[in-house]
Amino acid sequence: MAKILIVDDEADIRAAFARYFERAGHEVLQAATGEEGVALARAENPPVILLDLFLPDISGLEVLERTREQAPVVIMITAHGDVPAAVQAMQGGAEGFLTKPVELGHLGAVVDRALEKAQLRALRREHTARNARAAAEMLLGSSAPMRELAEQIDVLARSEQTVALLVGETGVGKSRVARAIHALSSRAARPFQEVECSMRPADALERELFGSESIDDQPPVAGLLEAADGGTLYLDEIADLPAGLQTRLLRVLEKHRMTRGGGSREIAVDVRVIASSIRDLATEVTEQRFREDLYYRLGAMPLHLPPLRARAPGDLRETAVALVSELRRGLPDAPTELSRAALDAIGRYPWPGNIRELRTALERALLHARGEPAIGLEHLPLEVLEAGDGEGRPHVSRTLADVERTHIERTLRAHGANRTRAARELGISRATLIKKIREFGLGDRPAPGAHNGAQER
């Protein structure tokens, strides 16, 4: 038995449809207005809605828009002359449309197919949610603090109207946690859009987020806020969002409306925002670099992701095992596990580049260890091995230049070969870093996973 919601202002039609589907064993919900339909859809979450296009209060198109987050399969019911509007509804997410008068046998067959589709959607959402939960948990481990963090991720996912703020150092997995929150939420079937706010010209970032209206006979361009409608927009490094865009974002969060660049027409957007920052936004507010009202809007439930050095060695080992399982899928002759000695070394090392550095180290180790049964100590970076020098491990003789070279290489690797960020962490100018890269011959060997041109940033 499934729930079917009928939204139609004609009582005779509702009664006829209800009798037919109740005889077939379904539970039927009825609404005479659009507002009633929206309220029932949100309260009862029916998998299928039969929706009249024209209603006495709001249009069927608005009902379709406002019930999108419940992800029902919607069949529009319309008069013959309204076919263009019904086609518009299909473009807005409706599954199909039927014209009045509707033959009940045909309607039953259409609803049967709709229920099958709704069941497949539910299975896909469940599968996606399981994968997302596993992906998030693999980055955390199973210690009590990490289990508590996983529970907080679940709470944020269920509170799908709450703006989520992820705080933590570079490379701690903020992007993956954001995707997990989206996939575990009721918005999982809708788009997930991600934008990097740092080191971007304000006008380029504005176009990417808000799009632009027609200029000089050029067609209008939708931004990521519109592209993410019904879903999630992830703003990475929101502390770098220019002041003018902070104001516009606050309006979106409060009014759920926006205007494209160069335009005045307001556009309704239903977007859940997840933001991240490596900097303390409270300090940014104090130093007048970030809007106080936007900070309070973002900070309802901040989620702090600890660096790897603050996590238990057991959590580190679990994360390493899970990453190896993920990375080796494209390497059929790569090892399937890590040796106990390698796991112990991984647990001792502080991983200043966090998960990003750990992932890169394991990717290299898998390549070096192809054909071997397990990743051993000999496959790990030298700095990981040296983390145990004070625990009985023999001292490794190295010059100061070797140490400097290794540290610069590791920092570049942790930042995906981004020179500006690496220089900032190292406490030197970008020009000095470039000089060091040339001196040590690091420019010829980009970090694994770096995109083309990443070294020029």
Protein backbone atom coordinates (compact mmCIF):
# COMPACT_ATOMS: atom_id res chain seq x y z
CA MET A 1 0.00 0.00 0.00
CA ALA A 2 1.27 3.46 -0.91
CA LYS A 3 0.15 7.00 -0.16
CA ILE A 4 -1.23 9.02 -3.07
CA LEU A 5 -1.97 12.74 -2.69
CA ILE A 6 -4.69 14.24 -4.91
CA VAL A 7 -4.62 18.05 -5.18
CA ASP A 8 -7.65 19.31 -7.13
CA ASP A 9 -10.30 21.93 -6.39
CA GLU A 10 -13.07 19.84 -8.03
CA ALA A 11 -14.63 17.65 -5.33
CA ASP A 12 -16.15 15.19 -7.84
CA ILE A 13 -12.76 14.50 -9.42
CA ARG A 14 -11.09 14.03 -6.03
CA ALA A 15 -13.85 11.64 -4.93
CA ALA A 16 -13.67 9.57 -8.14
CA PHE A 17 -9.89 9.28 -8.00
CA ALA A 18 -9.99 8.47 -4.28
CA ARG A 19 -12.54 5.64 -4.70
CA TYR A 20 -10.51 4.10 -7.52
CA PHE A 21 -7.18 4.07 -5.65
CA GLU A 22 -8.68 3.07 -2.31
CA ARG A 23 -10.20 0.00 -4.00
CA ALA A 24 -6.68 -0.79 -5.27
CA GLY A 25 -5.47 -0.80 -1.64
CA HIS A 26 -3.77 2.60 -1.52
CA GLU A 27 -4.05 5.30 1.14
CA VAL A 28 -5.44 8.45 -0.45
CA LEU A 29 -4.87 12.00 0.81
CA GLN A 30 -6.97 14.86 -0.57
CA ALA A 31 -6.42 18.62 -0.82
CA ALA A 32 -8.74 21.21 -2.39
CA THR A 33 -6.15 24.02 -2.50
CA GLY A 34 -2.49 24.37 -3.27
CA GLU A 35 -1.59 25.40 0.28
CA GLU A 36 -3.38 22.33 1.65
CA GLY A 37 -1.46 20.19 -0.84
CA VAL A 38 1.91 21.64 0.19
CA ALA A 39 1.13 21.10 3.88
CA LEU A 40 0.03 17.48 3.32
CA ALA A 41 3.05 16.73 1.12
CA ARG A 42 5.43 17.99 3.81
CA ALA A 43 3.60 16.22 6.65
CA GLU A 44 2.87 12.86 4.97
CA ASN A 45 5.63 12.64 2.32
CA PRO A 46 3.52 10.76 -0.28
CA PRO A 47 5.59 9.13 -3.06
CA VAL A 48 3.08 10.19 -5.78
CA ILE A 49 1.07 13.41 -6.19
CA LEU A 50 -1.75 13.94 -8.71
CA LEU A 51 -1.73 17.72 -9.11
CA ASP A 52 -4.20 19.99 -10.88
CA LEU A 53 -2.46 22.74 -12.79
CA PHE A 54 -4.92 25.51 -11.84
CA LEU A 55 -5.98 25.86 -8.20
CA PRO A 56 -7.97 28.58 -6.42
CA ASP A 57 -5.09 29.97 -4.33
CA ILE A 58 -1.69 29.15 -5.85
CA SER A 59 -0.80 27.48 -9.13
CA GLY A 60 0.14 23.84 -9.52
CA LEU A 61 3.56 25.03 -10.67
CA GLU A 62 4.13 26.67 -7.28
CA VAL A 63 2.97 23.53 -5.47
CA LEU A 64 5.43 21.55 -7.60
CA GLU A 65 8.24 23.94 -6.63
CA ARG A 66 7.41 23.96 -2.91
CA THR A 67 7.19 20.16 -2.62
CA ARG A 68 10.42 19.53 -4.48
CA GLU A 69 12.48 18.74 -1.38
CA GLN A 70 10.15 15.79 -0.60
CA ALA A 71 11.07 14.41 -4.07
CA PRO A 72 7.65 12.96 -4.97
CA VAL A 73 6.75 11.74 -8.46
CA VAL A 74 4.25 14.37 -9.66
CA ILE A 75 1.63 13.79 -12.37
CA MET A 76 -0.03 17.00 -13.57
CA ILE A 77 -3.74 16.99 -14.40
CA THR A 78 -4.83 19.68 -16.86
CA ALA A 79 -7.44 20.71 -19.42
CA HIS A 80 -6.71 20.29 -23.14
CA GLY A 81 -5.92 23.96 -23.66
CA ASP A 82 -3.28 24.00 -20.94
CA VAL A 83 -0.81 21.62 -22.55
CA PRO A 84 1.98 24.26 -22.94
CA ALA A 85 1.77 25.01 -19.21
CA ALA A 86 1.86 21.28 -18.46
CA VAL A 87 5.01 20.96 -20.55
CA GLN A 88 6.49 23.80 -18.50
CA ALA A 89 5.62 21.82 -15.38
CA MET A 90 7.50 18.80 -16.74
CA GLN A 91 10.51 21.02 -17.30
CA GLY A 92 10.16 22.02 -13.63
CA GLY A 93 10.29 18.42 -12.42
CA ALA A 94 6.86 16.86 -13.03
CA GLU A 95 6.97 13.29 -14.32
CA GLY A 96 4.18 13.73 -16.86
CA PHE A 97 0.70 15.13 -17.43
CA LEU A 98 -2.79 13.89 -18.24
CA THR A 99 -5.61 15.89 -19.80
CA LYS A 100 -9.16 15.96 -18.45
CA PRO A 101 -11.36 13.97 -18.59
CA VAL A 102 -9.03 11.23 -17.37
CA GLU A 103 -9.86 7.56 -18.02
CA LEU A 104 -9.40 5.78 -14.67
CA GLY A 105 -7.80 2.64 -16.09
CA HIS A 106 -5.15 4.74 -17.87
CA LEU A 107 -4.65 6.83 -14.72
CA GLY A 108 -4.12 3.63 -12.70
CA ALA A 109 -1.42 2.42 -15.09
CA VAL A 110 0.32 5.81 -14.96
CA VAL A 111 0.28 5.83 -11.17
CA ASP A 112 1.61 2.25 -11.02
CA ARG A 113 4.62 3.34 -13.10
CA ALA A 114 5.01 6.45 -10.93
CA LEU A 115 5.05 4.32 -7.76
CA GLU A 116 7.74 2.07 -9.28
CA LYS A 117 9.82 5.15 -10.08
CA ALA A 118 9.30 6.53 -6.56
CA GLN A 119 10.49 3.23 -5.11
CA LEU A 120 13.63 3.30 -7.27
CA ARG A 121 14.30 6.90 -6.18
CA ALA A 122 13.99 5.89 -2.54
CA LEU A 123 16.41 2.99 -3.04
CA ARG A 124 18.92 5.28 -4.76
CA ARG A 125 18.64 7.83 -1.94
CA GLU A 126 19.19 5.10 0.64
CA HIS A 127 22.20 3.77 -1.26
CA THR A 128 23.64 7.28 -1.65
CA ALA A 129 23.08 7.99 2.05
CA ARG A 130 24.83 4.76 3.09
CA ASN A 131 27.79 5.59 0.86
CA ALA A 132 27.92 9.16 2.17
CA ARG A 133 27.80 8.03 5.79
CA ALA A 134 30.56 5.47 5.12
CA ALA A 135 32.66 8.09 3.30
CA ALA A 136 32.34 10.54 6.19
CA GLU A 137 33.00 7.93 8.87
CA MET A 138 36.06 6.58 7.08
CA LEU A 139 37.68 10.00 7.50
CA LEU A 140 36.94 10.06 11.21
CA GLY A 141 37.53 6.70 12.87
CA SER A 142 35.67 5.01 15.70
CA SER A 143 36.93 6.67 18.90
CA ALA A 144 34.32 8.29 21.14
CA PRO A 145 35.08 11.89 19.97
CA MET A 146 34.89 10.83 16.32
CA ARG A 147 31.61 8.94 16.86
CA GLU A 148 30.21 12.10 18.44
CA LEU A 149 31.34 14.08 15.39
CA ALA A 150 29.62 11.56 13.10
CA GLU A 151 26.41 12.04 15.10
CA GLN A 152 26.69 15.81 14.66
CA ILE A 153 27.00 15.29 10.90
CA ASP A 154 23.78 13.25 10.98
CA VAL A 155 21.99 15.99 12.96
CA LEU A 156 23.08 18.64 10.46
CA ALA A 157 21.97 16.47 7.56
CA ARG A 158 18.49 16.07 9.03
CA SER A 159 18.23 19.82 9.81
CA GLU A 160 18.27 20.58 6.12
CA GLN A 161 17.25 24.23 6.46
CA THR A 162 20.12 24.97 8.87
CA VAL A 163 23.17 26.68 7.38
CA ALA A 164 26.15 24.45 8.17
CA LEU A 165 29.57 25.89 8.96
CA LEU A 166 32.56 23.52 8.79
CA VAL A 167 35.68 24.77 10.56
CA GLY A 168 39.10 23.18 10.32
CA GLU A 169 42.57 23.30 8.84
CA THR A 170 43.33 22.76 5.18
CA GLY A 171 42.98 19.13 4.17
CA VAL A 172 40.86 17.83 7.09
CA GLY A 173 38.08 16.69 4.73
CA LYS A 174 35.63 19.60 4.86
CA SER A 175 34.53 19.12 1.24
CA ARG A 176 33.85 15.43 1.75
CA VAL A 177 31.89 16.11 4.94
CA ALA A 178 29.84 18.74 3.06
CA ARG A 179 28.99 16.16 0.40
CA ALA A 180 28.06 13.67 3.12
CA ILE A 181 25.71 16.18 4.77
CA HIS A 182 24.04 16.77 1.40
CA ALA A 183 23.77 13.06 0.58
CA LEU A 184 22.30 12.24 4.00
CA SER A 185 19.70 15.03 3.73
CA SER A 186 16.31 15.13 2.04
CA ARG A 187 18.01 17.18 -0.72
CA ALA A 188 20.19 14.26 -1.81
CA ALA A 189 18.41 13.85 -5.16
CA ARG A 190 18.98 17.51 -6.03
CA PRO A 191 22.23 19.20 -7.18
CA PHE A 192 25.35 19.74 -5.08
CA GLN A 193 27.38 22.74 -6.27
CA GLU A 194 30.77 23.75 -4.91
CA VAL A 195 32.67 27.02 -5.28
CA GLU A 196 36.09 28.09 -4.00
CA CYS A 197 35.89 31.62 -2.58
CA SER A 198 39.59 32.29 -1.95
CA MET A 199 41.92 34.05 -4.35
CA ARG A 200 39.13 34.87 -6.80
CA PRO A 201 38.41 38.28 -8.34
CA ALA A 202 35.15 39.64 -6.92
CA ASP A 203 33.50 40.10 -10.33
CA ALA A 204 34.33 36.55 -11.43
CA LEU A 205 33.02 35.11 -8.17
CA GLU A 206 29.85 37.20 -8.46
CA ARG A 207 29.17 35.88 -11.99
CA GLU A 208 29.78 32.32 -10.85
CA LEU A 209 27.43 32.59 -7.88
CA PHE A 210 24.69 34.91 -9.15
CA GLY A 211 24.98 34.68 -12.94
CA SER A 212 24.21 37.67 -15.16
CA GLU A 213 21.28 39.11 -17.07
CA SER A 214 21.30 39.77 -20.80
CA ILE A 215 24.04 42.22 -21.77
CA ASP A 216 24.74 43.43 -25.33
CA ASP A 217 22.43 40.81 -26.89
CA GLN A 218 24.13 38.03 -24.90
CA PRO A 219 21.73 35.52 -23.36
CA PRO A 220 21.29 35.52 -19.57
CA VAL A 221 23.57 33.18 -17.61
CA ALA A 222 22.39 31.33 -14.51
CA GLY A 223 24.81 31.17 -11.57
CA LEU A 224 25.49 28.35 -9.14
CA LEU A 225 22.77 29.55 -6.76
CA GLU A 226 20.20 28.80 -9.44
CA ALA A 227 21.98 25.63 -10.50
CA ALA A 228 21.80 24.38 -6.90
CA ASP A 229 18.08 25.17 -6.55
CA GLY A 230 16.46 22.51 -4.37
CA GLY A 231 19.89 21.20 -3.40
CA THR A 232 23.06 22.37 -1.68
CA LEU A 233 25.65 25.07 -2.35
CA TYR A 234 29.04 24.56 -0.69
CA LEU A 235 31.09 27.74 -0.23
CA ASP A 236 34.70 26.75 0.49
CA GLU A 237 36.71 29.35 2.43
CA ILE A 238 33.81 31.73 2.98
CA ALA A 239 36.04 34.08 5.02
CA ASP A 240 37.47 35.23 1.67
CA LEU A 241 34.06 36.17 0.25
CA PRO A 242 34.20 39.88 -0.73
CA ALA A 243 32.14 42.28 1.42
CA GLY A 244 29.62 43.06 -1.33
CA LEU A 245 28.93 39.39 -1.93
CA GLN A 246 28.58 38.78 1.80
CA THR A 247 25.67 41.24 1.76
CA ARG A 248 24.05 39.53 -1.22
CA LEU A 249 24.52 36.07 0.30
CA LEU A 250 22.87 37.21 3.53
CA ARG A 251 19.80 38.27 1.54
CA VAL A 252 19.64 34.85 -0.09
CA LEU A 253 19.80 33.15 3.31
CA GLU A 254 17.12 35.38 4.82
CA LYS A 255 14.75 35.96 1.88
CA HIS A 256 15.48 32.95 -0.36
CA ARG A 257 15.57 35.35 -3.29
CA MET A 258 18.33 36.77 -5.47
CA THR A 259 18.98 38.92 -8.51
CA ARG A 260 21.43 38.16 -11.28
CA GLY A 261 24.30 40.53 -11.96
CA GLY A 262 23.14 43.57 -13.93
CA GLY A 263 19.48 42.71 -13.35
CA SER A 264 16.64 43.78 -11.08
CA ARG A 265 14.28 40.81 -11.42
CA GLU A 266 14.07 38.78 -8.21
CA ILE A 267 14.44 35.01 -8.57
CA ALA A 268 13.28 32.59 -5.87
CA VAL A 269 15.92 30.04 -4.87
CA ASP A 270 15.64 27.15 -2.43
CA VAL A 271 19.23 26.36 -1.51
CA ARG A 272 20.81 24.86 1.59
CA VAL A 273 24.19 26.56 2.14
CA ILE A 274 27.17 24.79 3.65
CA ALA A 275 30.23 26.97 4.26
CA SER A 276 33.75 26.22 5.42
CA SER A 277 36.67 28.20 6.77
CA ILE A 278 40.20 27.56 7.98
CA ARG A 279 40.08 30.88 9.85
CA ASP A 280 38.12 31.77 12.99
CA LEU A 281 35.17 33.79 11.70
CA ALA A 282 34.64 35.41 15.12
CA THR A 283 38.13 36.93 14.81
CA GLU A 284 37.35 38.00 11.24
CA VAL A 285 34.25 39.80 12.57
CA THR A 286 36.24 41.50 15.36
CA GLU A 287 38.78 42.72 12.82
CA GLN A 288 35.92 43.92 10.55
CA ARG A 289 36.73 41.62 7.65
CA PHE A 290 33.50 39.66 7.87
CA ARG A 291 29.89 40.77 8.39
CA GLU A 292 28.69 40.16 11.93
CA ASP A 293 25.08 39.43 10.87
CA LEU A 294 26.26 36.89 8.28
CA TYR A 295 28.50 35.27 10.88
CA TYR A 296 25.55 34.78 13.24
CA ARG A 297 23.46 33.40 10.37
CA LEU A 298 26.20 30.88 9.56
CA GLY A 299 27.13 29.93 13.10
CA ALA A 300 23.93 28.23 14.33
CA MET A 301 25.70 24.87 14.57
CA PRO A 302 29.41 25.05 13.62
CA LEU A 303 31.12 21.72 13.09
CA HIS A 304 34.80 21.63 14.08
CA LEU A 305 36.86 19.02 12.21
CA PRO A 306 40.03 18.30 14.18
CA PRO A 307 43.43 18.02 12.43
CA LEU A 308 44.93 14.54 12.18
CA ARG A 309 47.54 15.33 14.86
CA ALA A 310 44.69 15.81 17.35
CA ARG A 311 43.10 12.45 16.57
CA ALA A 312 43.81 9.14 18.26
CA PRO A 313 46.40 6.88 16.56
CA GLY A 314 43.67 4.27 16.15
CA ASP A 315 41.52 6.75 14.22
CA LEU A 316 44.49 7.53 11.97
CA ARG A 317 45.06 3.84 11.28
CA GLU A 318 41.38 3.30 10.44
CA THR A 319 41.41 6.28 8.09
CA ALA A 320 44.57 4.99 6.37
CA VAL A 321 43.05 1.52 5.85
CA ALA A 322 39.87 3.04 4.38
CA LEU A 323 41.86 5.34 2.08
CA VAL A 324 43.95 2.42 0.79
CA SER A 325 40.76 0.53 0.01
CA GLU A 326 39.47 3.54 -1.93
CA LEU A 327 42.71 4.34 -3.76
CA ARG A 328 43.60 0.83 -4.88
CA ARG A 329 40.42 0.39 -6.97
CA GLY A 330 42.22 1.74 -10.02
CA LEU A 331 45.38 -0.29 -9.34
CA PRO A 332 44.62 -4.00 -9.74
CA ASP A 333 48.10 -5.19 -8.73
CA ALA A 334 48.42 -2.81 -5.74
CA PRO A 335 48.56 -4.14 -2.15
CA THR A 336 45.29 -4.67 -0.35
CA GLU A 337 46.55 -3.75 3.13
CA LEU A 338 49.20 -1.99 5.22
CA SER A 339 51.73 -3.78 7.37
CA ARG A 340 51.47 -3.34 11.13
CA ALA A 341 54.75 -1.41 11.16
CA ALA A 342 53.44 0.96 8.46
CA LEU A 343 50.21 1.53 10.39
CA ASP A 344 52.17 2.28 13.57
CA ALA A 345 54.34 4.81 11.69
CA ILE A 346 51.24 6.47 10.25
CA GLY A 347 49.75 6.70 13.75
CA ARG A 348 52.88 8.45 15.11
CA TYR A 349 53.29 11.06 12.37
CA PRO A 350 51.48 14.43 12.93
CA TRP A 351 50.39 14.87 9.26
CA PRO A 352 50.55 18.68 8.98
CA GLY A 353 48.81 18.44 5.59
CA ASN A 354 46.06 16.36 7.21
CA ILE A 355 43.98 13.93 5.12
CA ARG A 356 45.18 15.47 1.87
CA GLU A 357 48.80 14.69 2.80
CA LEU A 358 47.92 11.21 4.08
CA ARG A 359 46.02 10.41 0.90
CA THR A 360 48.94 11.54 -1.29
CA ALA A 361 51.45 9.53 0.78
CA LEU A 362 49.30 6.41 0.48
CA GLU A 363 48.78 6.94 -3.24
CA ARG A 364 52.55 7.04 -3.72
CA ALA A 365 53.01 4.02 -1.45
CA LEU A 366 50.52 1.99 -3.49
CA LEU A 367 52.41 2.82 -6.67
CA HIS A 368 55.79 1.89 -5.13
CA ALA A 369 54.41 -1.32 -3.63
CA ARG A 370 52.67 -2.74 -6.71
CA GLY A 371 53.03 -6.48 -6.72
CA GLU A 372 53.67 -6.61 -2.97
CA PRO A 373 51.17 -8.12 -0.49
CA ALA A 374 51.18 -5.06 1.77
CA ILE A 375 52.46 -1.49 2.07
CA GLY A 376 55.56 -1.57 4.26
CA LEU A 377 57.75 0.99 5.97
CA GLU A 378 59.98 1.18 2.90
CA HIS A 379 57.08 2.53 0.85
CA LEU A 380 56.28 5.46 3.15
CA PRO A 381 57.82 8.96 2.91
CA LEU A 382 61.02 9.51 4.89
CA GLU A 383 59.47 12.17 7.13
CA VAL A 384 56.84 9.64 8.28
CA LEU A 385 59.56 7.20 9.28
CA GLU A 386 61.55 9.88 11.09
CA ALA A 387 58.58 10.64 13.34
CA GLY A 388 59.70 7.65 15.40
CA ASP A 389 63.34 8.71 15.87
CA GLY A 390 62.75 9.47 19.54
CA GLU A 391 61.26 6.00 20.17
CA GLY A 392 64.24 3.80 19.44
CA ARG A 393 64.26 4.18 15.69
CA PRO A 394 67.81 4.81 14.34
CA HIS A 395 68.69 8.40 13.51
CA VAL A 396 68.70 9.22 9.79
CA SER A 397 71.53 11.54 8.78
CA ARG A 398 70.29 14.49 6.72
CA THR A 399 71.63 17.93 5.84
CA LEU A 400 69.71 21.10 6.66
CA ALA A 401 69.09 21.55 2.92
CA ASP A 402 67.56 18.06 2.75
CA VAL A 403 65.23 18.89 5.62
CA GLU A 404 64.22 22.18 4.00
CA ARG A 405 63.65 20.54 0.64
CA THR A 406 61.51 17.78 2.14
CA HIS A 407 59.44 20.25 4.16
CA ILE A 408 58.79 22.49 1.14
CA GLU A 409 57.88 19.49 -1.02
CA ARG A 410 55.54 18.16 1.66
CA THR A 411 53.85 21.54 2.10
CA LEU A 412 53.35 21.92 -1.64
CA ARG A 413 51.90 18.43 -1.77
CA ALA A 414 49.53 19.18 1.11
CA HIS A 415 48.19 22.22 -0.78
CA GLY A 416 47.83 20.49 -4.15
CA ALA A 417 50.89 22.38 -5.56
CA ASN A 418 49.20 25.74 -4.87
CA ARG A 419 52.21 28.03 -4.37
CA THR A 420 50.33 30.94 -2.81
CA ARG A 421 48.85 28.82 -0.03
CA ALA A 422 52.08 26.90 0.52
CA ALA A 423 54.05 30.14 0.86
CA ARG A 424 51.51 31.43 3.37
CA GLU A 425 51.89 28.31 5.53
CA LEU A 426 55.69 28.36 5.27
CA GLY A 427 55.80 32.02 6.32
CA ILE A 428 57.72 33.16 3.24
CA SER A 429 56.84 35.21 0.20
CA ARG A 430 55.62 33.55 -2.97
CA ALA A 431 58.72 34.82 -4.80
CA THR A 432 60.99 33.19 -2.20
CA LEU A 433 59.08 29.93 -2.53
CA ILE A 434 59.45 29.95 -6.31
CA LYS A 435 63.19 30.52 -5.86
CA LYS A 436 63.37 27.54 -3.48
CA ILE A 437 61.37 25.37 -5.89
CA ARG A 438 63.87 26.11 -8.64
CA GLU A 439 66.83 25.64 -6.31
CA PHE A 440 65.65 22.19 -5.21
CA GLY A 441 64.33 21.13 -8.62
CA LEU A 442 60.77 20.68 -7.37
CA GLY A 443 59.07 22.42 -10.26
CA ASP A 444 59.59 19.50 -12.60
CA ARG A 445 57.65 17.06 -10.42
CA PRO A 446 54.11 18.27 -9.67
CA ALA A 447 52.42 16.81 -6.65
CA PRO A 448 50.24 13.78 -7.37
CA GLY A 449 46.60 14.76 -7.91
CA ALA A 450 47.46 18.38 -8.78
CA HIS A 451 45.47 19.75 -11.70
CA ASN A 452 47.19 21.04 -14.78
CA GLY A 453 48.48 24.52 -14.12
CA ALA A 454 48.09 24.18 -10.35
CA GLN A 455 51.75 25.09 -9.81
CA GLU A 456 51.22 28.47 -11.42
CA ARG A 457 48.68 29.57 -8.79
